Amino acid sequence: MPGQILARGVCRHLLSHGFVTVEELVPAPGLRVDVMAIGPKGEIWIVECKSNRSDFITDRKWQSYLKWADRFFWAVDADFPVDLLPDGTGLILADGYDAEILRMGADMPLAGARRKVMLTKFARHAALRLQGLRAPGVRVGGTIAP
């Protein structure tokens, strides 16, 4: 899928800046971010990958993601009409192999309690993914590990 290809390039690029990433994390019921990244100083970024104009226009949830990260970014490919993207949000140009941060998102530091919640969600999400790789099909809390 095009969004997953963009996410791959974003994750590879962010790792080169010392960020670790997970894909498809649920910060709150009804929300699922494409990429969540934690930086070397504990900063939390959310990156939403948009593969085309209609994918962006039909996304009605993106503003709900802002309260779950210190910075918010869009990741798009070279053909995306970037003039659609709102001011104050970050912009990453990506493909399946790498990416480039063209514009930083506004810095909106999380409150300490929310940061703790997100760091815990990130850690659990990453650990469940690892467990799913090591023991496919094992049930964790009533669900099969991803």
C-alpha atoms as a PDB file:
ATOM      1  CA  MET A   1       0.000   0.000   0.000  1.00  0.00           C
ATOM      2  CA  PRO A   2       1.307   3.486  -0.811  1.00  0.00           C
ATOM      3  CA  GLY A   3       1.000   4.807   2.767  1.00  0.00           C
ATOM      4  CA  GLN A   4       2.993   1.877   4.117  1.00  0.00           C
ATOM      5  CA  ILE A   5       5.707   2.514   1.547  1.00  0.00           C
ATOM      6  CA  LEU A   6       5.945   6.137   2.708  1.00  0.00           C
ATOM      7  CA  ALA A   7       6.001   4.997   6.353  1.00  0.00           C
ATOM      8  CA  ARG A   8       8.955   2.718   5.597  1.00  0.00           C
ATOM      9  CA  GLY A   9      11.006   5.592   4.189  1.00  0.00           C
ATOM     10  CA  VAL A  10       9.999   7.876   7.075  1.00  0.00           C
ATOM     11  CA  CYS A  11      11.019   5.289   9.681  1.00  0.00           C
ATOM     12  CA  ARG A  12      14.369   4.709   7.988  1.00  0.00           C
ATOM     13  CA  HIS A  13      15.053   8.442   7.843  1.00  0.00           C
ATOM     14  CA  LEU A  14      14.027   9.161  11.431  1.00  0.00           C
ATOM     15  CA  LEU A  15      16.331   6.385  12.641  1.00  0.00           C
ATOM     16  CA  SER A  16      19.223   8.302  11.061  1.00  0.00           C
ATOM     17  CA  HIS A  17      18.290  11.188  13.425  1.00  0.00           C
ATOM     18  CA  GLY A  18      18.234   8.919  16.485  1.00  0.00           C
ATOM     19  CA  PHE A  19      14.448   8.410  16.552  1.00  0.00           C
ATOM     20  CA  VAL A  20      12.861   5.015  17.080  1.00  0.00           C
ATOM     21  CA  THR A  21       9.496   4.366  15.475  1.00  0.00           C
ATOM     22  CA  VAL A  22       6.413   2.193  15.511  1.00  0.00           C
ATOM     23  CA  GLU A  23       3.658   2.061  12.934  1.00  0.00           C
ATOM     24  CA  GLU A  24      -0.105   2.028  13.435  1.00  0.00           C
ATOM     25  CA  LEU A  25      -0.154   2.982  17.105  1.00  0.00           C
ATOM     26  CA  VAL A  26      -3.502   3.750  18.769  1.00  0.00           C
ATOM     27  CA  PRO A  27      -3.110   6.772  21.094  1.00  0.00           C
ATOM     28  CA  ALA A  28      -6.830   6.770  21.994  1.00  0.00           C
ATOM     29  CA  PRO A  29      -9.904   4.797  20.949  1.00  0.00           C
ATOM     30  CA  GLY A  30     -10.903   5.629  17.375  1.00  0.00           C
ATOM     31  CA  LEU A  31      -7.467   6.971  16.427  1.00  0.00           C
ATOM     32  CA  ARG A  32      -4.553   5.185  14.746  1.00  0.00           C
ATOM     33  CA  VAL A  33      -1.440   7.092  13.722  1.00  0.00           C
ATOM     34  CA  ASP A  34       0.669   5.909  10.798  1.00  0.00           C
ATOM     35  CA  VAL A  35       4.038   6.505  12.493  1.00  0.00           C
ATOM     36  CA  MET A  36       4.914   7.488  16.035  1.00  0.00           C
ATOM     37  CA  ALA A  37       8.535   8.342  16.777  1.00  0.00           C
ATOM     38  CA  ILE A  38      10.462   8.917  19.987  1.00  0.00           C
ATOM     39  CA  GLY A  39      13.631  10.973  19.769  1.00  0.00           C
ATOM     40  CA  PRO A  40      16.858  10.768  21.735  1.00  0.00           C
ATOM     41  CA  LYS A  41      15.615  13.411  24.219  1.00  0.00           C
ATOM     42  CA  GLY A  42      12.203  11.796  24.657  1.00  0.00           C
ATOM     43  CA  GLU A  43      10.420  14.000  22.143  1.00  0.00           C
ATOM     44  CA  ILE A  44       7.341  12.416  20.566  1.00  0.00           C
ATOM     45  CA  TRP A  45       6.437  12.965  16.932  1.00  0.00           C
ATOM     46  CA  ILE A  46       3.443  11.747  14.934  1.00  0.00           C
ATOM     47  CA  VAL A  47       3.718  11.340  11.165  1.00  0.00           C
ATOM     48  CA  GLU A  48       0.650  10.826   8.989  1.00  0.00           C
ATOM     49  CA  CYS A  49       1.394   9.380   5.546  1.00  0.00           C
ATOM     50  CA  LYS A  50      -0.758  10.618   2.681  1.00  0.00           C
ATOM     51  CA  SER A  51      -0.433   9.030  -0.731  1.00  0.00           C
ATOM     52  CA  ASN A  52      -2.745  11.318  -2.710  1.00  0.00           C
ATOM     53  CA  ARG A  53      -5.112  14.267  -2.600  1.00  0.00           C
ATOM     54  CA  SER A  54      -8.267  12.276  -1.783  1.00  0.00           C
ATOM     55  CA  ASP A  55      -6.459  10.416   1.017  1.00  0.00           C
ATOM     56  CA  PHE A  56      -5.722  13.797   2.615  1.00  0.00           C
ATOM     57  CA  ILE A  57      -9.136  15.362   2.004  1.00  0.00           C
ATOM     58  CA  THR A  58     -11.028  12.412   3.496  1.00  0.00           C
ATOM     59  CA  ASP A  59      -8.881  12.386   6.661  1.00  0.00           C
ATOM     60  CA  ARG A  60     -11.131  13.957   9.282  1.00  0.00           C
ATOM     61  CA  LYS A  61      -9.162  12.778  12.323  1.00  0.00           C
ATOM     62  CA  TRP A  62      -5.738  14.354  11.903  1.00  0.00           C
ATOM     63  CA  GLN A  63      -6.404  17.300  14.220  1.00  0.00           C
ATOM     64  CA  SER A  64      -7.225  14.814  16.992  1.00  0.00           C
ATOM     65  CA  TYR A  65      -3.624  13.565  16.771  1.00  0.00           C
ATOM     66  CA  LEU A  66      -2.118  16.937  17.710  1.00  0.00           C
ATOM     67  CA  LYS A  67      -2.689  16.508  21.437  1.00  0.00           C
ATOM     68  CA  TRP A  68      -0.752  13.219  21.493  1.00  0.00           C
ATOM     69  CA  ALA A  69       2.648  14.453  20.266  1.00  0.00           C
ATOM     70  CA  ASP A  70       5.177  17.264  20.584  1.00  0.00           C
ATOM     71  CA  ARG A  71       5.253  17.699  16.797  1.00  0.00           C
ATOM     72  CA  PHE A  72       3.007  16.616  13.928  1.00  0.00           C
ATOM     73  CA  PHE A  73       4.135  15.898  10.359  1.00  0.00           C
ATOM     74  CA  TRP A  74       2.691  14.876   7.030  1.00  0.00           C
ATOM     75  CA  ALA A  75       4.703  12.466   4.910  1.00  0.00           C
ATOM     76  CA  VAL A  76       4.002  12.637   1.178  1.00  0.00           C
ATOM     77  CA  ASP A  77       5.681  11.654  -2.060  1.00  0.00           C
ATOM     78  CA  ALA A  78       7.112  13.993  -4.681  1.00  0.00           C
ATOM     79  CA  ASP A  79       3.823  14.127  -6.643  1.00  0.00           C
ATOM     80  CA  PHE A  80       1.639  15.216  -3.718  1.00  0.00           C
ATOM     81  CA  PRO A  81       0.133  18.760  -3.931  1.00  0.00           C
ATOM     82  CA  VAL A  82       1.800  20.120  -0.763  1.00  0.00           C
ATOM     83  CA  ASP A  83      -0.128  23.409  -0.948  1.00  0.00           C
ATOM     84  CA  LEU A  84      -3.078  21.452   0.558  1.00  0.00           C
ATOM     85  CA  LEU A  85      -1.237  20.842   3.819  1.00  0.00           C
ATOM     86  CA  PRO A  86      -2.056  23.172   6.727  1.00  0.00           C
ATOM     87  CA  ASP A  87       0.437  25.745   7.988  1.00  0.00           C
ATOM     88  CA  GLY A  88       2.039  24.888  11.304  1.00  0.00           C
ATOM     89  CA  THR A  89       2.305  21.210  10.454  1.00  0.00           C
ATOM     90  CA  GLY A  90       5.533  19.521   9.491  1.00  0.00           C
ATOM     91  CA  LEU A  91       6.307  18.184   6.039  1.00  0.00           C
ATOM     92  CA  ILE A  92       8.371  15.140   5.128  1.00  0.00           C
ATOM     93  CA  LEU A  93       9.052  14.131   1.540  1.00  0.00           C
ATOM     94  CA  ALA A  94       9.370  10.349   1.425  1.00  0.00           C
ATOM     95  CA  ASP A  95       9.611   7.257  -0.709  1.00  0.00           C
ATOM     96  CA  GLY A  96      10.070   3.626   0.251  1.00  0.00           C
ATOM     97  CA  TYR A  97      13.777   3.995   0.958  1.00  0.00           C
ATOM     98  CA  ASP A  98      14.334   7.325   2.659  1.00  0.00           C
ATOM     99  CA  ALA A  99      12.833  10.716   3.414  1.00  0.00           C
ATOM    100  CA  GLU A 100      13.718  14.342   3.978  1.00  0.00           C
ATOM    101  CA  ILE A 101      12.242  16.733   6.521  1.00  0.00           C
ATOM    102  CA  LEU A 102      11.290  19.828   4.530  1.00  0.00           C
ATOM    103  CA  ARG A 103       9.439  21.681   7.275  1.00  0.00           C
ATOM    104  CA  MET A 104       9.347  21.175  11.037  1.00  0.00           C
ATOM    105  CA  GLY A 105       5.950  20.960  12.697  1.00  0.00           C
ATOM    106  CA  ALA A 106       5.108  23.449  15.412  1.00  0.00           C
ATOM    107  CA  ASP A 107       6.578  22.576  18.810  1.00  0.00           C
ATOM    108  CA  MET A 108       3.673  21.765  21.161  1.00  0.00           C
ATOM    109  CA  PRO A 109       5.241  20.124  24.241  1.00  0.00           C
ATOM    110  CA  LEU A 110       3.133  17.449  25.889  1.00  0.00           C
ATOM    111  CA  ALA A 111       2.182  17.689  29.546  1.00  0.00           C
ATOM    112  CA  GLY A 112       4.138  15.271  31.729  1.00  0.00           C
ATOM    113  CA  ALA A 113       1.174  12.977  32.437  1.00  0.00           C
ATOM    114  CA  ARG A 114       0.266  12.666  28.749  1.00  0.00           C
ATOM    115  CA  ARG A 115       3.944  12.050  27.839  1.00  0.00           C
ATOM    116  CA  LYS A 116       4.050   9.183  30.343  1.00  0.00           C
ATOM    117  CA  VAL A 117       0.892   7.671  28.839  1.00  0.00           C
ATOM    118  CA  MET A 118       2.320   7.895  25.319  1.00  0.00           C
ATOM    119  CA  LEU A 119       5.707   6.460  26.275  1.00  0.00           C
ATOM    120  CA  THR A 120       3.947   3.519  27.927  1.00  0.00           C
ATOM    121  CA  LYS A 121       1.696   2.958  24.889  1.00  0.00           C
ATOM    122  CA  PHE A 122       4.724   3.133  22.602  1.00  0.00           C
ATOM    123  CA  ALA A 123       6.696   0.632  24.696  1.00  0.00           C
ATOM    124  CA  ARG A 124       3.800  -1.823  24.927  1.00  0.00           C
ATOM    125  CA  HIS A 125       3.060  -1.526  21.199  1.00  0.00           C
ATOM    126  CA  ALA A 126       6.697  -2.175  20.309  1.00  0.00           C
ATOM    127  CA  ALA A 127       6.971  -5.093  22.755  1.00  0.00           C
ATOM    128  CA  LEU A 128       3.794  -6.715  21.414  1.00  0.00           C
ATOM    129  CA  ARG A 129       5.133  -6.395  17.871  1.00  0.00           C
ATOM    130  CA  LEU A 130       8.368  -8.082  18.910  1.00  0.00           C
ATOM    131  CA  GLN A 131       6.510 -10.837  20.737  1.00  0.00           C
ATOM    132  CA  GLY A 132       4.351 -11.351  17.657  1.00  0.00           C
ATOM    133  CA  LEU A 133       7.490 -11.893  15.573  1.00  0.00           C
ATOM    134  CA  ARG A 134       9.016 -14.306  18.089  1.00  0.00           C
ATOM    135  CA  ALA A 135       5.820 -16.249  18.808  1.00  0.00           C
ATOM    136  CA  PRO A 136       3.291 -15.769  15.971  1.00  0.00           C
ATOM    137  CA  GLY A 137      -0.300 -16.462  16.934  1.00  0.00           C
ATOM    138  CA  VAL A 138       0.241 -16.211  20.689  1.00  0.00           C
ATOM    139  CA  ARG A 139      -2.687 -14.594  22.468  1.00  0.00           C
ATOM    140  CA  VAL A 140      -1.921 -11.496  24.545  1.00  0.00           C
ATOM    141  CA  GLY A 141      -4.764 -10.189  26.704  1.00  0.00           C
ATOM    142  CA  GLY A 142      -7.378 -11.990  24.619  1.00  0.00           C
ATOM    143  CA  THR A 143      -5.981 -10.872  21.252  1.00  0.00           C
ATOM    144  CA  ILE A 144      -3.362 -12.276  18.952  1.00  0.00           C
ATOM    145  CA  ALA A 145      -0.103 -10.308  19.134  1.00  0.00           C
ATOM    146  CA  PRO A 146       0.415  -8.213  15.961  1.00  0.00           C
END
